[in-house]
């Protein structure tokens, strides 16, 4: 009976930890959808040397502002999307 209670307590602790993690990730997704917390990009349109270069665009990622660097993310938050 004691082992069963220990496992139940462990399961509840995992539930709380995972719920907290998912709430944090949900908040991040909502912020991204609102346009906050996303990296800045610049579209660079070079002056065409001739008509064949007229459609070429380059996109570069702007350097993050210092406030963006200290966003409080940890290595566990490195999600590749």
PDB file of N, CA and C in Angstrom:
ATOM      1  N   UNK A   1       0.824  -1.192   0.000  1.00  0.00           N
ATOM      2  CA  UNK A   1       0.000   0.000   0.000  1.00  0.00           C
ATOM      3  C   UNK A   1       0.871   1.261   0.000  1.00  0.00           C
ATOM      4  N   UNK A   2       1.976   1.230   0.746  1.00  0.00           N
ATOM      5  CA  UNK A   2       2.874   2.381   0.833  1.00  0.00           C
ATOM      6  C   UNK A   2       3.500   2.694  -0.528  1.00  0.00           C
ATOM      7  N   UNK A   3       3.905   1.632  -1.234  1.00  0.00           N
ATOM      8  CA  UNK A   3       4.506   1.832  -2.559  1.00  0.00           C
ATOM      9  C   UNK A   3       3.492   2.444  -3.529  1.00  0.00           C
ATOM     10  N   UNK A   4       2.248   2.011  -3.438  1.00  0.00           N
ATOM     11  CA  UNK A   4       1.194   2.544  -4.300  1.00  0.00           C
ATOM     12  C   UNK A   4       0.996   4.043  -4.029  1.00  0.00           C
ATOM     13  N   UNK A   5       1.011   4.436  -2.775  1.00  0.00           N
ATOM     14  CA  UNK A   5       0.854   5.856  -2.438  1.00  0.00           C
ATOM     15  C   UNK A   5       2.054   6.660  -2.920  1.00  0.00           C
ATOM     16  N   UNK A   6       3.247   6.093  -2.803  1.00  0.00           N
ATOM     17  CA  UNK A   6       4.451   6.778  -3.295  1.00  0.00           C
ATOM     18  C   UNK A   6       4.375   6.997  -4.798  1.00  0.00           C
ATOM     19  N   UNK A   7       3.940   5.970  -5.527  1.00  0.00           N
ATOM     20  CA  UNK A   7       3.817   6.098  -6.991  1.00  0.00           C
ATOM     21  C   UNK A   7       2.727   7.102  -7.365  1.00  0.00           C
ATOM     22  N   UNK A   8       1.633   7.107  -6.625  1.00  0.00           N
ATOM     23  CA  UNK A   8       0.559   8.068  -6.881  1.00  0.00           C
ATOM     24  C   UNK A   8       1.060   9.490  -6.659  1.00  0.00           C
ATOM     25  N   UNK A   9       1.817   9.705  -5.566  1.00  0.00           N
ATOM     26  CA  UNK A   9       2.375  11.035  -5.279  1.00  0.00           C
ATOM     27  C   UNK A   9       3.346  11.450  -6.375  1.00  0.00           C
ATOM     28  N   UNK A  10       4.155  10.517  -6.850  1.00  0.00           N
ATOM     29  CA  UNK A  10       5.085  10.824  -7.945  1.00  0.00           C
ATOM     30  C   UNK A  10       4.317  11.209  -9.208  1.00  0.00           C
ATOM     31  N   UNK A  11       3.257  10.500  -9.492  1.00  0.00           N
ATOM     32  CA  UNK A  11       2.441  10.809 -10.668  1.00  0.00           C
ATOM     33  C   UNK A  11       1.809  12.185 -10.573  1.00  0.00           C
ATOM     34  N   UNK A  12       1.315  12.541  -9.388  1.00  0.00           N
ATOM     35  CA  UNK A  12       0.723  13.877  -9.207  1.00  0.00           C
ATOM     36  C   UNK A  12       1.775  14.968  -9.365  1.00  0.00           C
ATOM     37  N   UNK A  13       2.982  14.712  -8.853  1.00  0.00           N
ATOM     38  CA  UNK A  13       4.064  15.686  -9.021  1.00  0.00           C
ATOM     39  C   UNK A  13       4.424  15.872 -10.486  1.00  0.00           C
ATOM     40  N   UNK A  14       4.484  14.765 -11.225  1.00  0.00           N
ATOM     41  CA  UNK A  14       4.763  14.855 -12.665  1.00  0.00           C
ATOM     42  C   UNK A  14       3.642  15.606 -13.383  1.00  0.00           C
ATOM     43  N   UNK A  15       2.403  15.345 -13.007  1.00  0.00           N
ATOM     44  CA  UNK A  15       1.266  16.047 -13.610  1.00  0.00           C
ATOM     45  C   UNK A  15       1.399  17.559 -13.414  1.00  0.00           C
ATOM     46  N   UNK A  16       1.728  17.971 -12.199  1.00  0.00           N
ATOM     47  CA  UNK A  16       1.859  19.401 -11.915  1.00  0.00           C
ATOM     48  C   UNK A  16       3.014  20.017 -12.702  1.00  0.00           C
ATOM     49  N   UNK A  17       4.145  19.321 -12.754  1.00  0.00           N
ATOM     50  CA  UNK A  17       5.302  19.842 -13.474  1.00  0.00           C
ATOM     51  C   UNK A  17       5.008  19.963 -14.967  1.00  0.00           C
ATOM     52  N   UNK A  18       4.388  18.939 -15.540  1.00  0.00           N
ATOM     53  CA  UNK A  18       4.096  18.975 -16.976  1.00  0.00           C
ATOM     54  C   UNK A  18       3.012  19.997 -17.307  1.00  0.00           C
ATOM     55  N   UNK A  19       2.025  20.150 -16.447  1.00  0.00           N
ATOM     56  CA  UNK A  19       0.994  21.162 -16.668  1.00  0.00           C
ATOM     57  C   UNK A  19       1.607  22.556 -16.656  1.00  0.00           C
ATOM     58  N   UNK A  20       2.506  22.802 -15.726  1.00  0.00           N
ATOM     59  CA  UNK A  20       3.195  24.093 -15.668  1.00  0.00           C
ATOM     60  C   UNK A  20       4.010  24.326 -16.940  1.00  0.00           C
ATOM     61  N   UNK A  21       4.746  23.303 -17.379  1.00  0.00           N
ATOM     62  CA  UNK A  21       5.551  23.420 -18.603  1.00  0.00           C
ATOM     63  C   UNK A  21       4.660  23.709 -19.815  1.00  0.00           C
ATOM     64  N   UNK A  22       3.565  22.972 -19.944  1.00  0.00           N
ATOM     65  CA  UNK A  22       2.665  23.185 -21.078  1.00  0.00           C
ATOM     66  C   UNK A  22       2.012  24.563 -21.032  1.00  0.00           C
ATOM     67  N   UNK A  23       1.669  25.055 -19.852  1.00  0.00           N
ATOM     68  CA  UNK A  23       1.107  26.405 -19.726  1.00  0.00           C
ATOM     69  C   UNK A  23       2.111  27.448 -20.205  1.00  0.00           C
ATOM     70  N   UNK A  24       3.377  27.275 -19.837  1.00  0.00           N
ATOM     71  CA  UNK A  24       4.429  28.197 -20.268  1.00  0.00           C
ATOM     72  C   UNK A  24       4.578  28.176 -21.788  1.00  0.00           C
ATOM     73  N   UNK A  25       4.572  26.989 -22.373  1.00  0.00           N
ATOM     74  CA  UNK A  25       4.715  26.885 -23.824  1.00  0.00           C
ATOM     75  C   UNK A  25       3.494  27.458 -24.538  1.00  0.00           C
ATOM     76  N   UNK A  26       2.315  27.266 -23.964  1.00  0.00           N
ATOM     77  CA  UNK A  26       1.092  27.833 -24.551  1.00  0.00           C
ATOM     78  C   UNK A  26       1.178  29.363 -24.560  1.00  0.00           C
ATOM     79  N   UNK A  27       1.688  29.943 -23.456  1.00  0.00           N
ATOM     80  CA  UNK A  27       1.855  31.397 -23.394  1.00  0.00           C
ATOM     81  C   UNK A  27       2.840  31.879 -24.452  1.00  0.00           C
ATOM     82  N   UNK A  28       3.915  31.130 -24.666  1.00  0.00           N
ATOM     83  CA  UNK A  28       4.892  31.499 -25.698  1.00  0.00           C
ATOM     84  C   UNK A  28       4.250  31.489 -27.087  1.00  0.00           C
ATOM     85  N   UNK A  29       3.458  30.447 -27.373  1.00  0.00           N
ATOM     86  CA  UNK A  29       2.789  30.345 -28.674  1.00  0.00           C
ATOM     87  C   UNK A  29       1.814  31.501 -28.858  1.00  0.00           C
ATOM     88  N   UNK A  30       1.055  31.825 -27.821  1.00  0.00           N
ATOM     89  CA  UNK A  30       0.112  32.936 -27.913  1.00  0.00           C
ATOM     90  C   UNK A  30       0.838  34.255 -28.148  1.00  0.00           C
ATOM     91  N   UNK A  31       1.978  34.453 -27.495  1.00  0.00           N
ATOM     92  CA  UNK A  31       2.758  35.678 -27.698  1.00  0.00           C
ATOM     93  C   UNK A  31       3.276  35.746 -29.129  1.00  0.00           C
ATOM     94  N   UNK A  32       3.732  34.627 -29.656  1.00  0.00           N
ATOM     95  CA  UNK A  32       4.222  34.598 -31.039  1.00  0.00           C
ATOM     96  C   UNK A  32       3.081  34.911 -31.998  1.00  0.00           C
ATOM     97  N   UNK A  33       1.911  34.339 -31.758  1.00  0.00           N
ATOM     98  CA  UNK A  33       0.756  34.616 -32.617  1.00  0.00           C
ATOM     99  C   UNK A  33       0.387  36.093 -32.602  1.00  0.00           C
ATOM    100  N   UNK A  34       0.612  36.769 -31.483  1.00  0.00           N
ATOM    101  CA  UNK A  34       0.320  38.203 -31.375  1.00  0.00           C
ATOM    102  C   UNK A  34       1.452  39.059 -31.929  1.00  0.00           C
ATOM    103  N   UNK A  35       2.563  38.415 -32.291  1.00  0.00           N
ATOM    104  CA  UNK A  35       3.673  39.155 -32.890  1.00  0.00           C
ATOM    105  C   UNK A  35       4.714  39.622 -31.895  1.00  0.00           C
ATOM    106  N   UNK A  36       4.605  39.229 -30.636  1.00  0.00           N
ATOM    107  CA  UNK A  36       5.620  39.595 -29.656  1.00  0.00           C
ATOM    108  C   UNK A  36       6.529  38.390 -29.425  1.00  0.00           C
ATOM    109  N   UNK A  37       7.769  38.666 -29.112  1.00  0.00           N
ATOM    110  CA  UNK A  37       8.702  37.580 -28.860  1.00  0.00           C
ATOM    111  C   UNK A  37       9.175  36.871 -30.109  1.00  0.00           C
ATOM    112  N   UNK A  38       9.048  37.512 -31.239  1.00  0.00           N
ATOM    113  CA  UNK A  38       9.512  36.906 -32.489  1.00  0.00           C
ATOM    114  C   UNK A  38      10.744  37.662 -32.991  1.00  0.00           C
ATOM    115  N   UNK A  39      11.638  36.978 -33.683  1.00  0.00           N
ATOM    116  CA  UNK A  39      12.825  37.659 -34.196  1.00  0.00           C
ATOM    117  C   UNK A  39      12.448  38.657 -35.293  1.00  0.00           C
ATOM    118  N   UNK A  40      13.231  39.703 -35.390  1.00  0.00           N
ATOM    119  CA  UNK A  40      13.014  40.710 -36.426  1.00  0.00           C
ATOM    120  C   UNK A  40      13.767  40.308 -37.692  1.00  0.00           C
ATOM    121  N   UNK A  41      13.155  40.531 -38.817  1.00  0.00           N
ATOM    122  CA  UNK A  41      13.781  40.266 -40.103  1.00  0.00           C
ATOM    123  C   UNK A  41      13.731  41.531 -40.946  1.00  0.00           C
ATOM    124  N   UNK A  42      14.695  41.668 -41.825  1.00  0.00           N
ATOM    125  CA  UNK A  42      14.696  42.782 -42.767  1.00  0.00           C
ATOM    126  C   UNK A  42      14.757  42.216 -44.174  1.00  0.00           C
ATOM    127  N   UNK A  43      13.966  42.784 -45.071  1.00  0.00           N
ATOM    128  CA  UNK A  43      14.025  42.418 -46.479  1.00  0.00           C
ATOM    129  C   UNK A  43      14.922  43.433 -47.158  1.00  0.00           C
ATOM    130  N   UNK A  44      15.948  42.934 -47.816  1.00  0.00           N
ATOM    131  CA  UNK A  44      16.919  43.806 -48.464  1.00  0.00           C
ATOM    132  C   UNK A  44      16.765  43.632 -49.974  1.00  0.00           C
ATOM    133  N   UNK A  45      16.398  44.701 -50.619  1.00  0.00           N
ATOM    134  CA  UNK A  45      16.237  44.679 -52.066  1.00  0.00           C
ATOM    135  C   UNK A  45      17.409  45.438 -52.684  1.00  0.00           C
ATOM    136  N   UNK A  46      18.381  44.722 -53.257  1.00  0.00           N
ATOM    137  CA  UNK A  46      19.524  45.404 -53.846  1.00  0.00           C
ATOM    138  C   UNK A  46      19.117  46.176 -55.102  1.00  0.00           C
ATOM    139  N   UNK A  47      19.830  47.233 -55.354  1.00  0.00           N
ATOM    140  CA  UNK A  47      19.585  47.978 -56.584  1.00  0.00           C
ATOM    141  C   UNK A  47      20.017  47.099 -57.746  1.00  0.00           C
ATOM    142  N   UNK A  48      19.115  46.836 -58.689  1.00  0.00           N
ATOM    143  CA  UNK A  48      19.454  45.938 -59.793  1.00  0.00           C
ATOM    144  C   UNK A  48      20.485  46.562 -60.738  1.00  0.00           C
ATOM    145  N   UNK A  49      21.464  45.752 -61.101  1.00  0.00           N
ATOM    146  CA  UNK A  49      22.467  46.191 -62.073  1.00  0.00           C
ATOM    147  C   UNK A  49      21.860  46.181 -63.463  1.00  0.00           C
ATOM    148  N   UNK A  50      20.978  45.226 -63.689  1.00  0.00           N
ATOM    149  CA  UNK A  50      20.246  45.170 -64.955  1.00  0.00           C
ATOM    150  C   UNK A  50      18.881  44.553 -64.678  1.00  0.00           C
ATOM    151  N   UNK A  51      18.071  44.410 -65.687  1.00  0.00           N
ATOM    152  CA  UNK A  51      16.699  43.933 -65.530  1.00  0.00           C
ATOM    153  C   UNK A  51      16.646  42.495 -65.016  1.00  0.00           C
ATOM    154  N   UNK A  52      17.672  41.672 -65.236  1.00  0.00           N
ATOM    155  CA  UNK A  52      17.630  40.276 -64.799  1.00  0.00           C
ATOM    156  C   UNK A  52      17.743  40.152 -63.283  1.00  0.00           C
ATOM    157  N   UNK A  53      18.284  41.163 -62.593  1.00  0.00           N
ATOM    158  CA  UNK A  53      18.418  41.126 -61.144  1.00  0.00           C
ATOM    159  C   UNK A  53      17.230  41.761 -60.423  1.00  0.00           C
ATOM    160  N   UNK A  54      16.245  42.236 -61.126  1.00  0.00           N
ATOM    161  CA  UNK A  54      15.173  43.034 -60.542  1.00  0.00           C
ATOM    162  C   UNK A  54      14.347  42.269 -59.506  1.00  0.00           C
ATOM    163  N   UNK A  55      14.225  40.947 -59.602  1.00  0.00           N
ATOM    164  CA  UNK A  55      13.383  40.194 -58.688  1.00  0.00           C
ATOM    165  C   UNK A  55      14.114  39.601 -57.506  1.00  0.00           C
ATOM    166  N   UNK A  56      15.415  39.774 -57.395  1.00  0.00           N
ATOM    167  CA  UNK A  56      16.180  39.158 -56.315  1.00  0.00           C
ATOM    168  C   UNK A  56      16.016  39.941 -55.013  1.00  0.00           C
ATOM    169  N   UNK A  57      15.615  39.237 -53.955  1.00  0.00           N
ATOM    170  CA  UNK A  57      15.501  39.825 -52.625  1.00  0.00           C
ATOM    171  C   UNK A  57      16.332  38.985 -51.666  1.00  0.00           C
ATOM    172  N   UNK A  58      16.836  39.603 -50.657  1.00  0.00           N
ATOM    173  CA  UNK A  58      17.554  38.885 -49.611  1.00  0.00           C
ATOM    174  C   UNK A  58      16.849  39.163 -48.293  1.00  0.00           C
ATOM    175  N   UNK A  59      16.789  38.156 -47.442  1.00  0.00           N
ATOM    176  CA  UNK A  59      16.190  38.311 -46.127  1.00  0.00           C
ATOM    177  C   UNK A  59      17.279  38.037 -45.108  1.00  0.00           C
ATOM    178  N   UNK A  60      17.433  38.951 -44.159  1.00  0.00           N
ATOM    179  CA  UNK A  60      18.419  38.730 -43.110  1.00  0.00           C
ATOM    180  C   UNK A  60      17.748  38.892 -41.762  1.00  0.00           C
ATOM    181  N   UNK A  61      18.250  38.143 -40.821  1.00  0.00           N
ATOM    182  CA  UNK A  61      17.712  38.224 -39.466  1.00  0.00           C
ATOM    183  C   UNK A  61      18.388  39.390 -38.766  1.00  0.00           C
ATOM    184  N   UNK A  62      17.592  40.301 -38.248  1.00  0.00           N
ATOM    185  CA  UNK A  62      18.128  41.450 -37.535  1.00  0.00           C
ATOM    186  C   UNK A  62      18.719  40.979 -36.213  1.00  0.00           C
ATOM    187  N   UNK A  63      19.711  41.696 -35.730  1.00  0.00           N
ATOM    188  CA  UNK A  63      20.307  41.365 -34.444  1.00  0.00           C
ATOM    189  C   UNK A  63      19.288  41.656 -33.345  1.00  0.00           C
ATOM    190  N   UNK A  64      19.105  40.725 -32.405  1.00  0.00           N
ATOM    191  CA  UNK A  64      18.122  40.968 -31.346  1.00  0.00           C
ATOM    192  C   UNK A  64      18.565  42.093 -30.426  1.00  0.00           C
ATOM    193  N   UNK A  65      17.581  42.821 -29.973  1.00  0.00           N
ATOM    194  CA  UNK A  65      17.855  43.878 -29.001  1.00  0.00           C
ATOM    195  C   UNK A  65      18.264  43.233 -27.691  1.00  0.00           C
ATOM    196  N   UNK A  66      18.994  43.932 -26.826  1.00  0.00           N
ATOM    197  CA  UNK A  66      19.409  43.331 -25.549  1.00  0.00           C
ATOM    198  C   UNK A  66      18.252  42.768 -24.739  1.00  0.00           C
ATOM    199  N   UNK A  67      17.082  43.388 -24.805  1.00  0.00           N
ATOM    200  CA  UNK A  67      15.928  42.875 -24.062  1.00  0.00           C
ATOM    201  C   UNK A  67      15.517  41.504 -24.583  1.00  0.00           C
ATOM    202  N   UNK A  68      15.682  41.257 -25.883  1.00  0.00           N
ATOM    203  CA  UNK A  68      15.320  39.971 -26.445  1.00  0.00           C
ATOM    204  C   UNK A  68      16.313  38.895 -26.036  1.00  0.00           C
ATOM    205  N   UNK A  69      17.561  39.265 -25.793  1.00  0.00           N
ATOM    206  CA  UNK A  69      18.563  38.285 -25.417  1.00  0.00           C
ATOM    207  C   UNK A  69      18.310  37.732 -24.031  1.00  0.00           C
ATOM    208  N   UNK A  70      17.770  38.528 -23.148  1.00  0.00           N
ATOM    209  CA  UNK A  70      17.529  38.063 -21.785  1.00  0.00           C
ATOM    210  C   UNK A  70      16.074  37.660 -21.613  1.00  0.00           C
ATOM    211  N   UNK A  71      15.556  36.938 -22.567  1.00  0.00           N
ATOM    212  CA  UNK A  71      14.159  36.541 -22.554  1.00  0.00           C
ATOM    213  C   UNK A  71      13.811  35.489 -21.541  1.00  0.00           C
ATOM    214  N   UNK A  72      14.772  35.026 -20.750  1.00  0.00           N
ATOM    215  CA  UNK A  72      14.477  34.062 -19.710  1.00  0.00           C
ATOM    216  C   UNK A  72      14.352  32.635 -20.211  1.00  0.00           C
ATOM    217  N   UNK A  73      14.731  32.369 -21.437  1.00  0.00           N
ATOM    218  CA  UNK A  73      14.636  31.009 -21.929  1.00  0.00           C
ATOM    219  C   UNK A  73      15.842  30.219 -21.471  1.00  0.00           C
ATOM    220  N   UNK A  74      15.634  28.942 -21.335  1.00  0.00           N
ATOM    221  CA  UNK A  74      16.720  28.056 -20.935  1.00  0.00           C
ATOM    222  C   UNK A  74      16.965  27.051 -22.027  1.00  0.00           C
ATOM    223  N   UNK A  75      17.978  26.226 -21.856  1.00  0.00           N
ATOM    224  CA  UNK A  75      18.289  25.208 -22.863  1.00  0.00           C
ATOM    225  C   UNK A  75      17.123  24.260 -23.067  1.00  0.00           C
ATOM    226  N   UNK A  76      16.281  24.070 -22.054  1.00  0.00           N
ATOM    227  CA  UNK A  76      15.123  23.191 -22.187  1.00  0.00           C
ATOM    228  C   UNK A  76      14.068  23.783 -23.109  1.00  0.00           C
ATOM    229  N   UNK A  77      14.130  25.097 -23.361  1.00  0.00           N
ATOM    230  CA  UNK A  77      13.141  25.763 -24.200  1.00  0.00           C
ATOM    231  C   UNK A  77      13.546  25.814 -25.657  1.00  0.00           C
ATOM    232  N   UNK A  78      14.648  25.208 -26.030  1.00  0.00           N
ATOM    233  CA  UNK A  78      15.112  25.254 -27.414  1.00  0.00           C
ATOM    234  C   UNK A  78      14.298  24.292 -28.258  1.00  0.00           C
ATOM    235  N   UNK A  79      13.205  24.806 -28.791  1.00  0.00           N
ATOM    236  CA  UNK A  79      12.317  24.006 -29.630  1.00  0.00           C
ATOM    237  C   UNK A  79      12.569  24.424 -31.074  1.00  0.00           C
ATOM    238  N   UNK A  80      12.875  23.479 -31.964  1.00  0.00           N
ATOM    239  CA  UNK A  80      13.298  23.835 -33.329  1.00  0.00           C
ATOM    240  C   UNK A  80      12.153  24.189 -34.258  1.00  0.00           C
ATOM    241  N   UNK A  81      11.294  25.134 -33.843  1.00  0.00           N
ATOM    242  CA  UNK A  81      10.283  25.652 -34.771  1.00  0.00           C
ATOM    243  C   UNK A  81      10.060  27.090 -34.548  1.00  0.00           C
TER     244      UNK A  81
END
